[in-house]
Amino acid sequence: MSRSDGRLPVDRRVRRMSMALAVAAVLLSALGAVGDSMWLMGAGAWLLIAAILLDLVYRP
């Protein structure tokens, strides 16, 4: 653990993964809305749910 920020490297990796899932969710949802594709919007919703659950379960 570094003294500067008080977080382990694994904490940053989980935070990065959660942000990546959230960004992918927004992109898929936007593409689904533009392309009128319900399955893309559904996939975006599930990615957003996964990002929120990951952030809630693994709170550093």
PDB file of N, CA and C in Angstrom:
ATOM      1  N   MET A   1       0.838  -1.165   0.000  1.00  0.00           N
ATOM      2  CA  MET A   1       0.000   0.000   0.000  1.00  0.00           C
ATOM      3  C   MET A   1       0.890   1.237   0.000  1.00  0.00           C
ATOM      4  N   SER A   2       0.615   2.123  -0.906  1.00  0.00           N
ATOM      5  CA  SER A   2       1.413   3.345  -0.948  1.00  0.00           C
ATOM      6  C   SER A   2       0.848   4.362   0.042  1.00  0.00           C
ATOM      7  N   ARG A   3       1.728   5.195   0.543  1.00  0.00           N
ATOM      8  CA  ARG A   3       1.306   6.178   1.532  1.00  0.00           C
ATOM      9  C   ARG A   3       0.606   7.377   0.889  1.00  0.00           C
ATOM     10  N   SER A   4       0.792   7.569  -0.401  1.00  0.00           N
ATOM     11  CA  SER A   4       0.253   8.768  -1.028  1.00  0.00           C
ATOM     12  C   SER A   4      -1.264   8.731  -1.151  1.00  0.00           C
ATOM     13  N   ASP A   5      -1.817   7.608  -1.586  1.00  0.00           N
ATOM     14  CA  ASP A   5      -3.253   7.600  -1.785  1.00  0.00           C
ATOM     15  C   ASP A   5      -3.972   6.583  -0.907  1.00  0.00           C
ATOM     16  N   GLY A   6      -3.263   5.676  -0.255  1.00  0.00           N
ATOM     17  CA  GLY A   6      -3.876   4.739   0.660  1.00  0.00           C
ATOM     18  C   GLY A   6      -4.637   3.607   0.013  1.00  0.00           C
ATOM     19  N   ARG A   7      -4.457   3.392  -1.275  1.00  0.00           N
ATOM     20  CA  ARG A   7      -5.163   2.313  -1.964  1.00  0.00           C
ATOM     21  C   ARG A   7      -4.182   1.339  -2.572  1.00  0.00           C
ATOM     22  N   LEU A   8      -4.613   0.110  -2.647  1.00  0.00           N
ATOM     23  CA  LEU A   8      -3.816  -0.938  -3.272  1.00  0.00           C
ATOM     24  C   LEU A   8      -3.978  -0.887  -4.793  1.00  0.00           C
ATOM     25  N   PRO A   9      -3.028  -1.458  -5.531  1.00  0.00           N
ATOM     26  CA  PRO A   9      -3.168  -1.492  -6.991  1.00  0.00           C
ATOM     27  C   PRO A   9      -4.424  -2.225  -7.455  1.00  0.00           C
ATOM     28  N   VAL A  10      -4.853  -3.235  -6.699  1.00  0.00           N
ATOM     29  CA  VAL A  10      -6.063  -3.956  -7.086  1.00  0.00           C
ATOM     30  C   VAL A  10      -7.290  -3.052  -6.978  1.00  0.00           C
ATOM     31  N   ASP A  11      -7.273  -2.091  -6.058  1.00  0.00           N
ATOM     32  CA  ASP A  11      -8.377  -1.150  -5.940  1.00  0.00           C
ATOM     33  C   ASP A  11      -8.502  -0.299  -7.195  1.00  0.00           C
ATOM     34  N   ARG A  12      -7.381   0.130  -7.717  1.00  0.00           N
ATOM     35  CA  ARG A  12      -7.413   0.926  -8.948  1.00  0.00           C
ATOM     36  C   ARG A  12      -7.887   0.096 -10.135  1.00  0.00           C
ATOM     37  N   ARG A  13      -7.489  -1.189 -10.156  1.00  0.00           N
ATOM     38  CA  ARG A  13      -7.932  -2.057 -11.258  1.00  0.00           C
ATOM     39  C   ARG A  13      -9.436  -2.280 -11.230  1.00  0.00           C
ATOM     40  N   VAL A  14      -9.985  -2.480 -10.042  1.00  0.00           N
ATOM     41  CA  VAL A  14     -11.431  -2.684  -9.927  1.00  0.00           C
ATOM     42  C   VAL A  14     -12.167  -1.404 -10.290  1.00  0.00           C
ATOM     43  N   ARG A  15     -11.649  -0.266  -9.876  1.00  0.00           N
ATOM     44  CA  ARG A  15     -12.261   1.016 -10.225  1.00  0.00           C
ATOM     45  C   ARG A  15     -12.220   1.243 -11.734  1.00  0.00           C
ATOM     46  N   ARG A  16     -11.086   0.885 -12.347  1.00  0.00           N
ATOM     47  CA  ARG A  16     -10.959   1.016 -13.802  1.00  0.00           C
ATOM     48  C   ARG A  16     -11.936   0.091 -14.531  1.00  0.00           C
ATOM     49  N   MET A  17     -12.103  -1.130 -14.016  1.00  0.00           N
ATOM     50  CA  MET A  17     -13.030  -2.080 -14.620  1.00  0.00           C
ATOM     51  C   MET A  17     -14.465  -1.584 -14.507  1.00  0.00           C
ATOM     52  N   SER A  18     -14.812  -1.030 -13.364  1.00  0.00           N
ATOM     53  CA  SER A  18     -16.156  -0.493 -13.171  1.00  0.00           C
ATOM     54  C   SER A  18     -16.418   0.671 -14.120  1.00  0.00           C
ATOM     55  N   MET A  19     -15.430   1.539 -14.287  1.00  0.00           N
ATOM     56  CA  MET A  19     -15.596   2.665 -15.215  1.00  0.00           C
ATOM     57  C   MET A  19     -15.688   2.187 -16.664  1.00  0.00           C
ATOM     58  N   ALA A  20     -14.898   1.180 -17.020  1.00  0.00           N
ATOM     59  CA  ALA A  20     -14.950   0.635 -18.376  1.00  0.00           C
ATOM     60  C   ALA A  20     -16.315   0.017 -18.662  1.00  0.00           C
ATOM     61  N   LEU A  21     -16.867  -0.694 -17.689  1.00  0.00           N
ATOM     62  CA  LEU A  21     -18.199  -1.266 -17.864  1.00  0.00           C
ATOM     63  C   LEU A  21     -19.258  -0.173 -18.020  1.00  0.00           C
ATOM     64  N   ALA A  22     -19.136   0.886 -17.246  1.00  0.00           N
ATOM     65  CA  ALA A  22     -20.094   1.982 -17.333  1.00  0.00           C
ATOM     66  C   ALA A  22     -20.005   2.694 -18.680  1.00  0.00           C
ATOM     67  N   VAL A  23     -18.796   2.922 -19.171  1.00  0.00           N
ATOM     68  CA  VAL A  23     -18.622   3.570 -20.475  1.00  0.00           C
ATOM     69  C   VAL A  23     -19.168   2.679 -21.589  1.00  0.00           C
ATOM     70  N   ALA A  24     -18.891   1.381 -21.509  1.00  0.00           N
ATOM     71  CA  ALA A  24     -19.419   0.452 -22.512  1.00  0.00           C
ATOM     72  C   ALA A  24     -20.944   0.414 -22.455  1.00  0.00           C
ATOM     73  N   ALA A  25     -21.511   0.501 -21.258  1.00  0.00           N
ATOM     74  CA  ALA A  25     -22.969   0.510 -21.119  1.00  0.00           C
ATOM     75  C   ALA A  25     -23.579   1.737 -21.784  1.00  0.00           C
ATOM     76  N   VAL A  26     -22.961   2.887 -21.581  1.00  0.00           N
ATOM     77  CA  VAL A  26     -23.476   4.111 -22.197  1.00  0.00           C
ATOM     78  C   VAL A  26     -23.370   4.039 -23.718  1.00  0.00           C
ATOM     79  N   LEU A  27     -22.240   3.535 -24.210  1.00  0.00           N
ATOM     80  CA  LEU A  27     -22.067   3.434 -25.658  1.00  0.00           C
ATOM     81  C   LEU A  27     -23.061   2.455 -26.278  1.00  0.00           C
ATOM     82  N   LEU A  28     -23.229   1.289 -25.665  1.00  0.00           N
ATOM     83  CA  LEU A  28     -24.175   0.314 -26.213  1.00  0.00           C
ATOM     84  C   LEU A  28     -25.610   0.824 -26.150  1.00  0.00           C
ATOM     85  N   SER A  29     -25.958   1.494 -25.074  1.00  0.00           N
ATOM     86  CA  SER A  29     -27.310   2.033 -24.959  1.00  0.00           C
ATOM     87  C   SER A  29     -27.556   3.124 -25.999  1.00  0.00           C
ATOM     88  N   ALA A  30     -26.567   3.964 -26.223  1.00  0.00           N
ATOM     89  CA  ALA A  30     -26.712   5.014 -27.230  1.00  0.00           C
ATOM     90  C   ALA A  30     -26.810   4.414 -28.635  1.00  0.00           C
ATOM     91  N   LEU A  31     -25.974   3.431 -28.923  1.00  0.00           N
ATOM     92  CA  LEU A  31     -26.060   2.772 -30.225  1.00  0.00           C
ATOM     93  C   LEU A  31     -27.404   2.067 -30.405  1.00  0.00           C
ATOM     94  N   GLY A  32     -27.902   1.467 -29.349  1.00  0.00           N
ATOM     95  CA  GLY A  32     -29.203   0.817 -29.417  1.00  0.00           C
ATOM     96  C   GLY A  32     -30.328   1.802 -29.641  1.00  0.00           C
ATOM     97  N   ALA A  33     -30.247   2.969 -29.014  1.00  0.00           N
ATOM     98  CA  ALA A  33     -31.277   3.992 -29.206  1.00  0.00           C
ATOM     99  C   ALA A  33     -31.232   4.562 -30.623  1.00  0.00           C
ATOM    100  N   VAL A  34     -30.018   4.793 -31.122  1.00  0.00           N
ATOM    101  CA  VAL A  34     -29.875   5.346 -32.470  1.00  0.00           C
ATOM    102  C   VAL A  34     -30.292   4.315 -33.517  1.00  0.00           C
ATOM    103  N   GLY A  35     -29.870   3.084 -33.329  1.00  0.00           N
ATOM    104  CA  GLY A  35     -30.162   2.040 -34.304  1.00  0.00           C
ATOM    105  C   GLY A  35     -31.489   1.347 -34.078  1.00  0.00           C
ATOM    106  N   ASP A  36     -32.261   1.793 -33.083  1.00  0.00           N
ATOM    107  CA  ASP A  36     -33.560   1.212 -32.760  1.00  0.00           C
ATOM    108  C   ASP A  36     -33.434  -0.296 -32.530  1.00  0.00           C
ATOM    109  N   SER A  37     -32.411  -0.670 -31.770  1.00  0.00           N
ATOM    110  CA  SER A  37     -32.138  -2.073 -31.492  1.00  0.00           C
ATOM    111  C   SER A  37     -32.311  -2.334 -29.999  1.00  0.00           C
ATOM    112  N   MET A  38     -33.349  -3.094 -29.683  1.00  0.00           N
ATOM    113  CA  MET A  38     -33.665  -3.346 -28.286  1.00  0.00           C
ATOM    114  C   MET A  38     -32.619  -4.231 -27.610  1.00  0.00           C
ATOM    115  N   TRP A  39     -32.011  -5.149 -28.338  1.00  0.00           N
ATOM    116  CA  TRP A  39     -31.032  -6.036 -27.704  1.00  0.00           C
ATOM    117  C   TRP A  39     -29.761  -5.284 -27.347  1.00  0.00           C
ATOM    118  N   LEU A  40     -29.383  -4.253 -28.119  1.00  0.00           N
ATOM    119  CA  LEU A  40     -28.219  -3.438 -27.743  1.00  0.00           C
ATOM    120  C   LEU A  40     -28.507  -2.613 -26.488  1.00  0.00           C
ATOM    121  N   MET A  41     -29.720  -2.084 -26.410  1.00  0.00           N
ATOM    122  CA  MET A  41     -30.082  -1.340 -25.201  1.00  0.00           C
ATOM    123  C   MET A  41     -30.139  -2.265 -23.994  1.00  0.00           C
ATOM    124  N   GLY A  42     -30.605  -3.493 -24.186  1.00  0.00           N
ATOM    125  CA  GLY A  42     -30.628  -4.463 -23.098  1.00  0.00           C
ATOM    126  C   GLY A  42     -29.232  -4.844 -22.639  1.00  0.00           C
ATOM    127  N   ALA A  43     -28.326  -5.030 -23.596  1.00  0.00           N
ATOM    128  CA  ALA A  43     -26.941  -5.349 -23.254  1.00  0.00           C
ATOM    129  C   ALA A  43     -26.300  -4.181 -22.498  1.00  0.00           C
ATOM    130  N   GLY A  44     -26.605  -2.966 -22.919  1.00  0.00           N
ATOM    131  CA  GLY A  44     -26.100  -1.789 -22.212  1.00  0.00           C
ATOM    132  C   GLY A  44     -26.633  -1.707 -20.795  1.00  0.00           C
ATOM    133  N   ALA A  45     -27.897  -2.064 -20.621  1.00  0.00           N
ATOM    134  CA  ALA A  45     -28.489  -2.052 -19.281  1.00  0.00           C
ATOM    135  C   ALA A  45     -27.815  -3.086 -18.384  1.00  0.00           C
ATOM    136  N   TRP A  46     -27.543  -4.282 -18.920  1.00  0.00           N
ATOM    137  CA  TRP A  46     -26.886  -5.312 -18.121  1.00  0.00           C
ATOM    138  C   TRP A  46     -25.454  -4.930 -17.776  1.00  0.00           C
ATOM    139  N   LEU A  47     -24.770  -4.266 -18.691  1.00  0.00           N
ATOM    140  CA  LEU A  47     -23.414  -3.799 -18.378  1.00  0.00           C
ATOM    141  C   LEU A  47     -23.438  -2.734 -17.286  1.00  0.00           C
ATOM    142  N   LEU A  48     -24.438  -1.870 -17.327  1.00  0.00           N
ATOM    143  CA  LEU A  48     -24.568  -0.850 -16.288  1.00  0.00           C
ATOM    144  C   LEU A  48     -24.866  -1.495 -14.933  1.00  0.00           C
ATOM    145  N   ILE A  49     -25.722  -2.497 -14.926  1.00  0.00           N
ATOM    146  CA  ILE A  49     -26.015  -3.223 -13.691  1.00  0.00           C
ATOM    147  C   ILE A  49     -24.744  -3.879 -13.153  1.00  0.00           C
ATOM    148  N   ALA A  50     -23.954  -4.481 -14.036  1.00  0.00           N
ATOM    149  CA  ALA A  50     -22.709  -5.119 -13.607  1.00  0.00           C
ATOM    150  C   ALA A  50     -21.738  -4.093 -13.033  1.00  0.00           C
ATOM    151  N   ALA A  51     -21.651  -2.923 -13.652  1.00  0.00           N
ATOM    152  CA  ALA A  51     -20.746  -1.877 -13.154  1.00  0.00           C
ATOM    153  C   ALA A  51     -21.175  -1.400 -11.771  1.00  0.00           C
ATOM    154  N   ILE A  52     -22.465  -1.222 -11.575  1.00  0.00           N
ATOM    155  CA  ILE A  52     -22.957  -0.756 -10.275  1.00  0.00           C
ATOM    156  C   ILE A  52     -22.741  -1.818  -9.211  1.00  0.00           C
ATOM    157  N   LEU A  53     -23.028  -3.073  -9.545  1.00  0.00           N
ATOM    158  CA  LEU A  53     -22.820  -4.149  -8.568  1.00  0.00           C
ATOM    159  C   LEU A  53     -21.349  -4.306  -8.205  1.00  0.00           C
ATOM    160  N   LEU A  54     -20.480  -4.193  -9.185  1.00  0.00           N
ATOM    161  CA  LEU A  54     -19.048  -4.290  -8.907  1.00  0.00           C
ATOM    162  C   LEU A  54     -18.598  -3.169  -7.991  1.00  0.00           C
ATOM    163  N   ASP A  55     -19.118  -1.982  -8.221  1.00  0.00           N
ATOM    164  CA  ASP A  55     -18.743  -0.838  -7.387  1.00  0.00           C
ATOM    165  C   ASP A  55     -19.317  -0.990  -5.983  1.00  0.00           C
ATOM    166  N   LEU A  56     -20.528  -1.539  -5.856  1.00  0.00           N
ATOM    167  CA  LEU A  56     -21.126  -1.698  -4.542  1.00  0.00           C
ATOM    168  C   LEU A  56     -20.482  -2.820  -3.740  1.00  0.00           C
ATOM    169  N   VAL A  57     -20.172  -3.929  -4.394  1.00  0.00           N
ATOM    170  CA  VAL A  57     -19.615  -5.081  -3.696  1.00  0.00           C
ATOM    171  C   VAL A  57     -18.160  -4.827  -3.312  1.00  0.00           C
ATOM    172  N   TYR A  58     -17.394  -4.282  -4.210  1.00  0.00           N
ATOM    173  CA  TYR A  58     -15.980  -4.049  -3.934  1.00  0.00           C
ATOM    174  C   TYR A  58     -15.751  -2.576  -3.672  1.00  0.00           C
ATOM    175  N   ARG A  59     -16.049  -2.154  -2.473  1.00  0.00           N
ATOM    176  CA  ARG A  59     -15.850  -0.751  -2.101  1.00  0.00           C
ATOM    177  C   ARG A  59     -14.581  -0.655  -1.275  1.00  0.00           C
ATOM    178  N   PRO A  60     -13.524  -0.052  -1.851  1.00  0.00           N
ATOM    179  CA  PRO A  60     -12.262   0.054  -1.106  1.00  0.00           C
ATOM    180  C   PRO A  60     -12.347   1.040   0.057  1.00  0.00           C
TER     181      PRO A  60
END
